[in-house]
PDB file of N, CA and C in Angstrom:
ATOM      1  N   MET A   1    -126.469-193.007 -37.915  1.00  0.00           N
ATOM      2  CA  MET A   1    -125.457-192.715 -38.911  1.00  0.00           C
ATOM      3  C   MET A   1    -125.693-191.352 -39.545  1.00  0.00           C
ATOM      4  N   LYS A   2    -126.974-191.031 -39.763  1.00  0.00           N
ATOM      5  CA  LYS A   2    -127.315-189.748 -40.369  1.00  0.00           C
ATOM      6  C   LYS A   2    -126.905-188.595 -39.452  1.00  0.00           C
ATOM      7  N   GLU A   3    -127.093-188.762 -38.135  1.00  0.00           N
ATOM      8  CA  GLU A   3    -126.725-187.727 -37.178  1.00  0.00           C
ATOM      9  C   GLU A   3    -125.211-187.493 -37.177  1.00  0.00           C
ATOM     10  N   LEU A   4    -124.459-188.568 -37.328  1.00  0.00           N
ATOM     11  CA  LEU A   4    -122.997-188.455 -37.369  1.00  0.00           C
ATOM     12  C   LEU A   4    -122.551-187.666 -38.595  1.00  0.00           C
ATOM     13  N   SER A   5    -123.163-187.908 -39.720  1.00  0.00           N
ATOM     14  CA  SER A   5    -122.832-187.176 -40.953  1.00  0.00           C
ATOM     15  C   SER A   5    -123.150-185.689 -40.799  1.00  0.00           C
ATOM     16  N   VAL A   6    -124.289-185.389 -40.212  1.00  0.00           N
ATOM     17  CA  VAL A   6    -124.687-183.999 -39.989  1.00  0.00           C
ATOM     18  C   VAL A   6    -123.702-183.328 -39.038  1.00  0.00           C
ATOM     19  N   LEU A   7    -123.298-184.027 -37.992  1.00  0.00           N
ATOM     20  CA  LEU A   7    -122.348-183.476 -37.027  1.00  0.00           C
ATOM     21  C   LEU A   7    -121.000-183.194 -37.685  1.00  0.00           C
ATOM     22  N   ILE A   8    -120.524-184.095 -38.500  1.00  0.00           N
ATOM     23  CA  ILE A   8    -119.239-183.902 -39.190  1.00  0.00           C
ATOM     24  C   ILE A   8    -119.320-182.711 -40.138  1.00  0.00           C
ATOM     25  N   ILE A   9    -120.405-182.583 -40.867  1.00  0.00           N
ATOM     26  CA  ILE A   9    -120.576-181.433 -41.773  1.00  0.00           C
ATOM     27  C   ILE A   9    -120.622-180.136 -40.980  1.00  0.00           C
ATOM     28  N   PHE A  10    -121.367-180.118 -39.883  1.00  0.00           N
ATOM     29  CA  PHE A  10    -121.465-178.917 -39.048  1.00  0.00           C
ATOM     30  C   PHE A  10    -120.098-178.512 -38.488  1.00  0.00           C
ATOM     31  N   LEU A  11    -119.353-179.474 -37.978  1.00  0.00           N
ATOM     32  CA  LEU A  11    -118.020-179.177 -37.433  1.00  0.00           C
ATOM     33  C   LEU A  11    -117.076-178.682 -38.513  1.00  0.00           C
ATOM     34  N   SER A  12    -117.149-179.225 -39.695  1.00  0.00           N
ATOM     35  CA  SER A  12    -116.303-178.781 -40.802  1.00  0.00           C
ATOM     36  C   SER A  12    -116.598-177.329 -41.165  1.00  0.00           C
ATOM     37  N   ILE A  13    -117.874-176.998 -41.265  1.00  0.00           N
ATOM     38  CA  ILE A  13    -118.266-175.615 -41.578  1.00  0.00           C
ATOM     39  C   ILE A  13    -117.812-174.670 -40.474  1.00  0.00           C
ATOM     40  N   PHE A  14    -117.970-175.080 -39.232  1.00  0.00           N
ATOM     41  CA  PHE A  14    -117.563-174.255 -38.100  1.00  0.00           C
ATOM     42  C   PHE A  14    -116.062-173.993 -38.119  1.00  0.00           C
ATOM     43  N   LEU A  15    -115.265-175.032 -38.344  1.00  0.00           N
ATOM     44  CA  LEU A  15    -113.806-174.876 -38.358  1.00  0.00           C
ATOM     45  C   LEU A  15    -113.336-174.009 -39.511  1.00  0.00           C
ATOM     46  N   VAL A  16    -113.925-174.157 -40.673  1.00  0.00           N
ATOM     47  CA  VAL A  16    -113.554-173.322 -41.816  1.00  0.00           C
ATOM     48  C   VAL A  16    -113.922-171.871 -41.539  1.00  0.00           C
ATOM     49  N   GLY A  17    -115.046-171.627 -40.914  1.00  0.00           N
ATOM     50  CA  GLY A  17    -115.464-170.264 -40.576  1.00  0.00           C
ATOM     51  C   GLY A  17    -114.563-169.602 -39.559  1.00  0.00           C
ATOM     52  N   CYS A  18    -113.947-170.373 -38.681  1.00  0.00           N
ATOM     53  CA  CYS A  18    -113.068-169.828 -37.651  1.00  0.00           C
ATOM     54  C   CYS A  18    -111.670-169.520 -38.173  1.00  0.00           C
ATOM     55  N   MET A  19    -111.335-170.024 -39.326  1.00  0.00           N
ATOM     56  CA  MET A  19    -109.991-169.835 -39.878  1.00  0.00           C
ATOM     57  C   MET A  19    -109.992-168.623 -40.799  1.00  0.00           C
ATOM     58  N   GLN A  20    -109.978-167.420 -40.220  1.00  0.00           N
ATOM     59  CA  GLN A  20    -110.014-166.186 -40.982  1.00  0.00           C
ATOM     60  C   GLN A  20    -108.620-165.806 -41.448  1.00  0.00           C
ATOM     61  N   GLN A  21    -108.587-165.072 -42.529  1.00  0.00           N
ATOM     62  CA  GLN A  21    -107.326-164.569 -43.050  1.00  0.00           C
ATOM     63  C   GLN A  21    -106.844-163.422 -42.161  1.00  0.00           C
ATOM     64  N   PRO A  22    -105.527-163.319 -41.942  1.00  0.00           N
ATOM     65  CA  PRO A  22    -105.007-162.250 -41.096  1.00  0.00           C
ATOM     66  C   PRO A  22    -105.130-160.885 -41.771  1.00  0.00           C
ATOM     67  N   GLN A  23    -105.282-159.849 -40.961  1.00  0.00           N
ATOM     68  CA  GLN A  23    -105.308-158.478 -41.464  1.00  0.00           C
ATOM     69  C   GLN A  23    -103.890-157.982 -41.760  1.00  0.00           C
ATOM     70  N   ILE A  24    -102.916-158.498 -41.031  1.00  0.00           N
ATOM     71  CA  ILE A  24    -101.508-158.145 -41.198  1.00  0.00           C
ATOM     72  C   ILE A  24    -100.892-159.166 -42.157  1.00  0.00           C
ATOM     73  N   THR A  25    -100.225-158.689 -43.201  1.00  0.00           N
ATOM     74  CA  THR A  25     -99.587-159.610 -44.138  1.00  0.00           C
ATOM     75  C   THR A  25     -98.268-160.112 -43.556  1.00  0.00           C
ATOM     76  N   GLU A  26     -97.736-161.156 -44.166  1.00  0.00           N
ATOM     77  CA  GLU A  26     -96.459-161.712 -43.714  1.00  0.00           C
ATOM     78  C   GLU A  26     -95.346-160.673 -43.841  1.00  0.00           C
ATOM     79  N   SER A  27     -95.323-159.922 -44.926  1.00  0.00           N
ATOM     80  CA  SER A  27     -94.277-158.906 -45.097  1.00  0.00           C
ATOM     81  C   SER A  27     -94.416-157.781 -44.074  1.00  0.00           C
ATOM     82  N   GLU A  28     -95.640-157.443 -43.674  1.00  0.00           N
ATOM     83  CA  GLU A  28     -95.837-156.429 -42.630  1.00  0.00           C
ATOM     84  C   GLU A  28     -95.347-156.953 -41.282  1.00  0.00           C
ATOM     85  N   ALA A  29     -95.601-158.224 -41.000  1.00  0.00           N
ATOM     86  CA  ALA A  29     -95.129-158.819 -39.744  1.00  0.00           C
ATOM     87  C   ALA A  29     -93.600-158.825 -39.706  1.00  0.00           C
ATOM     88  N   ILE A  30     -92.967-159.138 -40.829  1.00  0.00           N
ATOM     89  CA  ILE A  30     -91.502-159.110 -40.901  1.00  0.00           C
ATOM     90  C   ILE A  30     -90.990-157.701 -40.646  1.00  0.00           C
ATOM     91  N   ALA A  31     -91.607-156.705 -41.270  1.00  0.00           N
ATOM     92  CA  ALA A  31     -91.184-155.314 -41.083  1.00  0.00           C
ATOM     93  C   ALA A  31     -91.345-154.875 -39.628  1.00  0.00           C
ATOM     94  N   ILE A  32     -92.422-155.292 -38.972  1.00  0.00           N
ATOM     95  CA  ILE A  32     -92.651-154.949 -37.566  1.00  0.00           C
ATOM     96  C   ILE A  32     -91.510-155.478 -36.706  1.00  0.00           C
ATOM     97  N   ILE A  33     -91.131-156.743 -36.906  1.00  0.00           N
ATOM     98  CA  ILE A  33     -90.076-157.358 -36.101  1.00  0.00           C
ATOM     99  C   ILE A  33     -88.719-156.743 -36.405  1.00  0.00           C
ATOM    100  N   GLU A  34     -88.431-156.507 -37.679  1.00  0.00           N
ATOM    101  CA  GLU A  34     -87.138-155.901 -38.034  1.00  0.00           C
ATOM    102  C   GLU A  34     -87.011-154.501 -37.433  1.00  0.00           C
ATOM    103  N   ASP A  35     -88.089-153.714 -37.489  1.00  0.00           N
ATOM    104  CA  ASP A  35     -88.064-152.374 -36.893  1.00  0.00           C
ATOM    105  C   ASP A  35     -87.908-152.436 -35.377  1.00  0.00           C
ATOM    106  N   LEU A  36     -88.567-153.394 -34.763  1.00  0.00           N
ATOM    107  CA  LEU A  36     -88.533-153.516 -33.307  1.00  0.00           C
ATOM    108  C   LEU A  36     -87.151-153.893 -32.779  1.00  0.00           C
ATOM    109  N   HIS A  37     -86.439-154.758 -33.491  1.00  0.00           N
ATOM    110  CA  HIS A  37     -85.179-155.292 -32.975  1.00  0.00           C
ATOM    111  C   HIS A  37     -83.922-154.729 -33.646  1.00  0.00           C
ATOM    112  N   THR A  38     -84.070-153.830 -34.607  1.00  0.00           N
ATOM    113  CA  THR A  38     -82.914-153.147 -35.184  1.00  0.00           C
ATOM    114  C   THR A  38     -82.533-152.013 -34.249  1.00  0.00           C
ATOM    115  N   ASN A  39     -81.241-151.885 -33.989  1.00  0.00           N
ATOM    116  CA  ASN A  39     -80.767-150.829 -33.093  1.00  0.00           C
ATOM    117  C   ASN A  39     -79.403-150.334 -33.560  1.00  0.00           C
ATOM    118  N   SER A  40     -78.753-149.526 -32.757  1.00  0.00           N
ATOM    119  CA  SER A  40     -77.471-148.937 -33.149  1.00  0.00           C
ATOM    120  C   SER A  40     -76.360-149.973 -33.281  1.00  0.00           C
ATOM    121  N   PHE A  41     -76.558-151.176 -32.735  1.00  0.00           N
ATOM    122  CA  PHE A  41     -75.542-152.223 -32.819  1.00  0.00           C
ATOM    123  C   PHE A  41     -75.631-153.018 -34.120  1.00  0.00           C
ATOM    124  N   GLY A  42     -76.834-153.094 -34.695  1.00  0.00           N
ATOM    125  CA  GLY A  42     -76.981-153.846 -35.935  1.00  0.00           C
ATOM    126  C   GLY A  42     -78.431-153.983 -36.362  1.00  0.00           C
ATOM    127  N   ASP A  43     -78.606-154.570 -37.534  1.00  0.00           N
ATOM    128  CA  ASP A  43     -79.930-154.770 -38.108  1.00  0.00           C
ATOM    129  C   ASP A  43     -80.460-156.152 -37.754  1.00  0.00           C
ATOM    130  N   ALA A  44     -81.740-156.199 -37.445  1.00  0.00           N
ATOM    131  CA  ALA A  44     -82.391-157.484 -37.171  1.00  0.00           C
ATOM    132  C   ALA A  44     -82.748-158.145 -38.492  1.00  0.00           C
ATOM    133  N   GLU A  45     -82.672-159.465 -38.513  1.00  0.00           N
ATOM    134  CA  GLU A  45     -83.012-160.243 -39.693  1.00  0.00           C
ATOM    135  C   GLU A  45     -83.972-161.358 -39.275  1.00  0.00           C
ATOM    136  N   VAL A  46     -85.039-161.527 -40.033  1.00  0.00           N
ATOM    137  CA  VAL A  46     -86.003-162.588 -39.758  1.00  0.00           C
ATOM    138  C   VAL A  46     -85.469-163.895 -40.337  1.00  0.00           C
ATOM    139  N   LEU A  47     -85.393-164.919 -39.492  1.00  0.00           N
ATOM    140  CA  LEU A  47     -84.892-166.232 -39.903  1.00  0.00           C
ATOM    141  C   LEU A  47     -86.014-167.128 -40.405  1.00  0.00           C
ATOM    142  N   SER A  48     -87.178-167.050 -39.760  1.00  0.00           N
ATOM    143  CA  SER A  48     -88.321-167.846 -40.197  1.00  0.00           C
ATOM    144  C   SER A  48     -89.607-167.186 -39.710  1.00  0.00           C
ATOM    145  N   ILE A  49     -90.678-167.467 -40.432  1.00  0.00           N
ATOM    146  CA  ILE A  49     -91.993-166.942 -40.058  1.00  0.00           C
ATOM    147  C   ILE A  49     -93.039-167.984 -40.428  1.00  0.00           C
ATOM    148  N   GLU A  50     -94.028-168.124 -39.541  1.00  0.00           N
ATOM    149  CA  GLU A  50     -95.097-169.105 -39.752  1.00  0.00           C
ATOM    150  C   GLU A  50     -96.377-168.532 -39.182  1.00  0.00           C
ATOM    151  N   TYR A  51     -97.491-168.688 -39.885  1.00  0.00           N
ATOM    152  CA  TYR A  51     -98.787-168.218 -39.401  1.00  0.00           C
ATOM    153  C   TYR A  51     -99.569-169.392 -38.830  1.00  0.00           C
ATOM    154  N   SER A  52     -99.996-169.260 -37.581  1.00  0.00           N
ATOM    155  CA  SER A  52    -100.736-170.330 -36.937  1.00  0.00           C
ATOM    156  C   SER A  52    -101.624-169.759 -35.839  1.00  0.00           C
ATOM    157  N   TRP A  53    -102.893-170.182 -35.805  1.00  0.00           N
ATOM    158  CA  TRP A  53    -103.836-169.795 -34.762  1.00  0.00           C
ATOM    159  C   TRP A  53    -103.933-168.284 -34.562  1.00  0.00           C
ATOM    160  N   GLY A  54    -103.999-167.540 -35.666  1.00  0.00           N
ATOM    161  CA  GLY A  54    -104.246-166.108 -35.586  1.00  0.00           C
ATOM    162  C   GLY A  54    -103.031-165.239 -35.299  1.00  0.00           C
ATOM    163  N   ARG A  55    -101.835-165.824 -35.362  1.00  0.00           N
ATOM    164  CA  ARG A  55    -100.644-165.023 -35.104  1.00  0.00           C
ATOM    165  C   ARG A  55     -99.466-165.581 -35.906  1.00  0.00           C
ATOM    166  N   TYR A  56     -98.521-164.680 -36.157  1.00  0.00           N
ATOM    167  CA  TYR A  56     -97.280-165.079 -36.808  1.00  0.00           C
ATOM    168  C   TYR A  56     -96.259-165.432 -35.728  1.00  0.00           C
ATOM    169  N   VAL A  57     -95.569-166.533 -35.912  1.00  0.00           N
ATOM    170  CA  VAL A  57     -94.467-166.916 -35.037  1.00  0.00           C
ATOM    171  C   VAL A  57     -93.205-166.575 -35.815  1.00  0.00           C
ATOM    172  N   VAL A  58     -92.442-165.599 -35.301  1.00  0.00           N
ATOM    173  CA  VAL A  58     -91.298-165.059 -36.044  1.00  0.00           C
ATOM    174  C   VAL A  58     -90.011-165.301 -35.260  1.00  0.00           C
ATOM    175  N   GLU A  59     -89.075-165.996 -35.892  1.00  0.00           N
ATOM    176  CA  GLU A  59     -87.743-166.188 -35.315  1.00  0.00           C
ATOM    177  C   GLU A  59     -86.819-165.163 -35.962  1.00  0.00           C
ATOM    178  N   TRP A  60     -86.048-164.449 -35.147  1.00  0.00           N
ATOM    179  CA  TRP A  60     -85.208-163.361 -35.650  1.00  0.00           C
ATOM    180  C   TRP A  60     -83.856-163.382 -34.957  1.00  0.00           C
ATOM    181  N   GLU A  61     -82.908-162.649 -35.544  1.00  0.00           N
ATOM    182  CA  GLU A  61     -81.612-162.451 -34.896  1.00  0.00           C
ATOM    183  C   GLU A  61     -81.045-161.092 -35.273  1.00  0.00           C
ATOM    184  N   ASN A  62     -80.216-160.565 -34.386  1.00  0.00           N
ATOM    185  CA  ASN A  62     -79.458-159.344 -34.630  1.00  0.00           C
ATOM    186  C   ASN A  62     -78.016-159.685 -34.293  1.00  0.00           C
ATOM    187  N   GLU A  63     -77.210-159.944 -35.324  1.00  0.00           N
ATOM    188  CA  GLU A  63     -75.821-160.357 -35.103  1.00  0.00           C
ATOM    189  C   GLU A  63     -74.977-159.237 -34.500  1.00  0.00           C
ATOM    190  N   GLY A  64     -75.375-157.981 -34.708  1.00  0.00           N
ATOM    191  CA  GLY A  64     -74.610-156.844 -34.208  1.00  0.00           C
ATOM    192  C   GLY A  64     -74.464-156.826 -32.697  1.00  0.00           C
ATOM    193  N   ASN A  65     -75.492-157.232 -31.983  1.00  0.00           N
ATOM    194  CA  ASN A  65     -75.398-157.289 -30.527  1.00  0.00           C
ATOM    195  C   ASN A  65     -75.671-158.704 -30.013  1.00  0.00           C
ATOM    196  N   CYS A  66     -75.584-159.682 -30.894  1.00  0.00           N
ATOM    197  CA  CYS A  66     -75.670-161.099 -30.536  1.00  0.00           C
ATOM    198  C   CYS A  66     -77.011-161.435 -29.873  1.00  0.00           C
ATOM    199  N   GLU A  67     -78.097-160.862 -30.395  1.00  0.00           N
ATOM    200  CA  GLU A  67     -79.441-161.153 -29.893  1.00  0.00           C
ATOM    201  C   GLU A  67     -80.130-162.147 -30.813  1.00  0.00           C
ATOM    202  N   TRP A  68     -81.019-162.939 -30.237  1.00  0.00           N
ATOM    203  CA  TRP A  68     -81.833-163.884 -30.977  1.00  0.00           C
ATOM    204  C   TRP A  68     -83.142-164.043 -30.222  1.00  0.00           C
ATOM    205  N   GLY A  69     -84.222-164.289 -30.949  1.00  0.00           N
ATOM    206  CA  GLY A  69     -85.473-164.505 -30.242  1.00  0.00           C
ATOM    207  C   GLY A  69     -86.597-164.992 -31.124  1.00  0.00           C
ATOM    208  N   ILE A  70     -87.710-165.261 -30.472  1.00  0.00           N
ATOM    209  CA  ILE A  70     -88.951-165.651 -31.127  1.00  0.00           C
ATOM    210  C   ILE A  70     -90.045-164.738 -30.588  1.00  0.00           C
ATOM    211  N   ASP A  71     -90.748-164.077 -31.499  1.00  0.00           N
ATOM    212  CA  ASP A  71     -91.843-163.194 -31.130  1.00  0.00           C
ATOM    213  C   ASP A  71     -93.122-163.680 -31.783  1.00  0.00           C
ATOM    214  N   HIS A  72     -94.250-163.340 -31.172  1.00  0.00           N
ATOM    215  CA  HIS A  72     -95.561-163.609 -31.749  1.00  0.00           C
ATOM    216  C   HIS A  72     -96.153-162.269 -32.179  1.00  0.00           C
ATOM    217  N   VAL A  73     -96.575-162.187 -33.430  1.00  0.00           N
ATOM    218  CA  VAL A  73     -97.207-160.981 -33.965  1.00  0.00           C
ATOM    219  C   VAL A  73     -98.667-161.313 -34.232  1.00  0.00           C
ATOM    220  N   ASP A  74     -99.572-160.573 -33.591  1.00  0.00           N
ATOM    221  CA  ASP A  74    -100.999-160.784 -33.772  1.00  0.00           C
ATOM    222  C   ASP A  74    -101.369-160.509 -35.228  1.00  0.00           C
ATOM    223  N   GLY A  75    -102.090-161.430 -35.848  1.00  0.00           N
ATOM    224  CA  GLY A  75    -102.452-161.305 -37.252  1.00  0.00           C
ATOM    225  C   GLY A  75    -103.511-160.261 -37.528  1.00  0.00           C
ATOM    226  N   ASP A  76    -104.200-159.786 -36.500  1.00  0.00           N
ATOM    227  CA  ASP A  76    -105.247-158.786 -36.686  1.00  0.00           C
ATOM    228  C   ASP A  76    -104.772-157.360 -36.442  1.00  0.00           C
ATOM    229  N   ASP A  77    -104.010-157.141 -35.364  1.00  0.00           N
ATOM    230  CA  ASP A  77    -103.638-155.767 -35.026  1.00  0.00           C
ATOM    231  C   ASP A  77    -102.132-155.516 -35.003  1.00  0.00           C
ATOM    232  N   GLY A  78    -101.306-156.533 -35.186  1.00  0.00           N
ATOM    233  CA  GLY A  78     -99.864-156.345 -35.252  1.00  0.00           C
ATOM    234  C   GLY A  78     -99.164-156.220 -33.910  1.00  0.00           C
ATOM    235  N   ASN A  79     -99.885-156.420 -32.809  1.00  0.00           N
ATOM    236  CA  ASN A  79     -99.243-156.365 -31.496  1.00  0.00           C
ATOM    237  C   ASN A  79     -98.226-157.491 -31.370  1.00  0.00           C
ATOM    238  N   VAL A  80     -97.108-157.176 -30.702  1.00  0.00           N
ATOM    239  CA  VAL A  80     -96.015-158.134 -30.585  1.00  0.00           C
ATOM    240  C   VAL A  80     -95.907-158.615 -29.148  1.00  0.00           C
ATOM    241  N   GLU A  81     -95.761-159.916 -28.990  1.00  0.00           N
ATOM    242  CA  GLU A  81     -95.515-160.521 -27.686  1.00  0.00           C
ATOM    243  C   GLU A  81     -94.217-161.312 -27.792  1.00  0.00           C
ATOM    244  N   MET A  82     -93.260-160.987 -26.933  1.00  0.00           N
ATOM    245  CA  MET A  82     -91.999-161.705 -26.953  1.00  0.00           C
ATOM    246  C   MET A  82     -92.178-163.068 -26.303  1.00  0.00           C
ATOM    247  N   LYS A  83     -91.828-164.106 -27.032  1.00  0.00           N
ATOM    248  CA  LYS A  83     -91.941-165.466 -26.528  1.00  0.00           C
ATOM    249  C   LYS A  83     -90.630-165.922 -25.906  1.00  0.00           C
ATOM    250  N   GLN A  84     -89.526-165.622 -26.585  1.00  0.00           N
ATOM    251  CA  GLN A  84     -88.216-166.078 -26.133  1.00  0.00           C
ATOM    252  C   GLN A  84     -87.157-165.135 -26.683  1.00  0.00           C
ATOM    253  N   ALA A  85     -86.131-164.857 -25.900  1.00  0.00           N
ATOM    254  CA  ALA A  85     -85.026-164.018 -26.366  1.00  0.00           C
ATOM    255  C   ALA A  85     -83.755-164.380 -25.620  1.00  0.00           C
ATOM    256  N   SER A  86     -82.638-164.208 -26.283  1.00  0.00           N
ATOM    257  CA  SER A  86     -81.358-164.445 -25.607  1.00  0.00           C
ATOM    258  C   SER A  86     -80.296-163.514 -26.180  1.00  0.00           C
ATOM    259  N   ILE A  87     -79.342-163.186 -25.352  1.00  0.00           N
ATOM    260  CA  ILE A  87     -78.185-162.390 -25.749  1.00  0.00           C
ATOM    261  C   ILE A  87     -76.960-163.216 -25.419  1.00  0.00           C
ATOM    262  N   CYS A  88     -76.040-163.345 -26.368  1.00  0.00           N
ATOM    263  CA  CYS A  88     -74.830-164.166 -26.160  1.00  0.00           C
ATOM    264  C   CYS A  88     -74.055-163.724 -24.943  1.00  0.00           C
TER     265      CYS A  88
END
């Protein structure tokens, strides 16, 4: 029983240590996506944003050219990976 308690404490400390705060703020991630998807047809607007597992999951749309998508923004360096996109 004592070993189980020690293991649970160790795992808890390990998990808390792995959950670091992002270097990129939520507002910076929004600005990155808006700048990336705004074009001569219209302005991009962020619909939702969520931070999970070291990256922001950002849903956006640009009504001017009927684009919509979901991008992942790295919480440490701001690199963007397109997850899903569609054009009407």
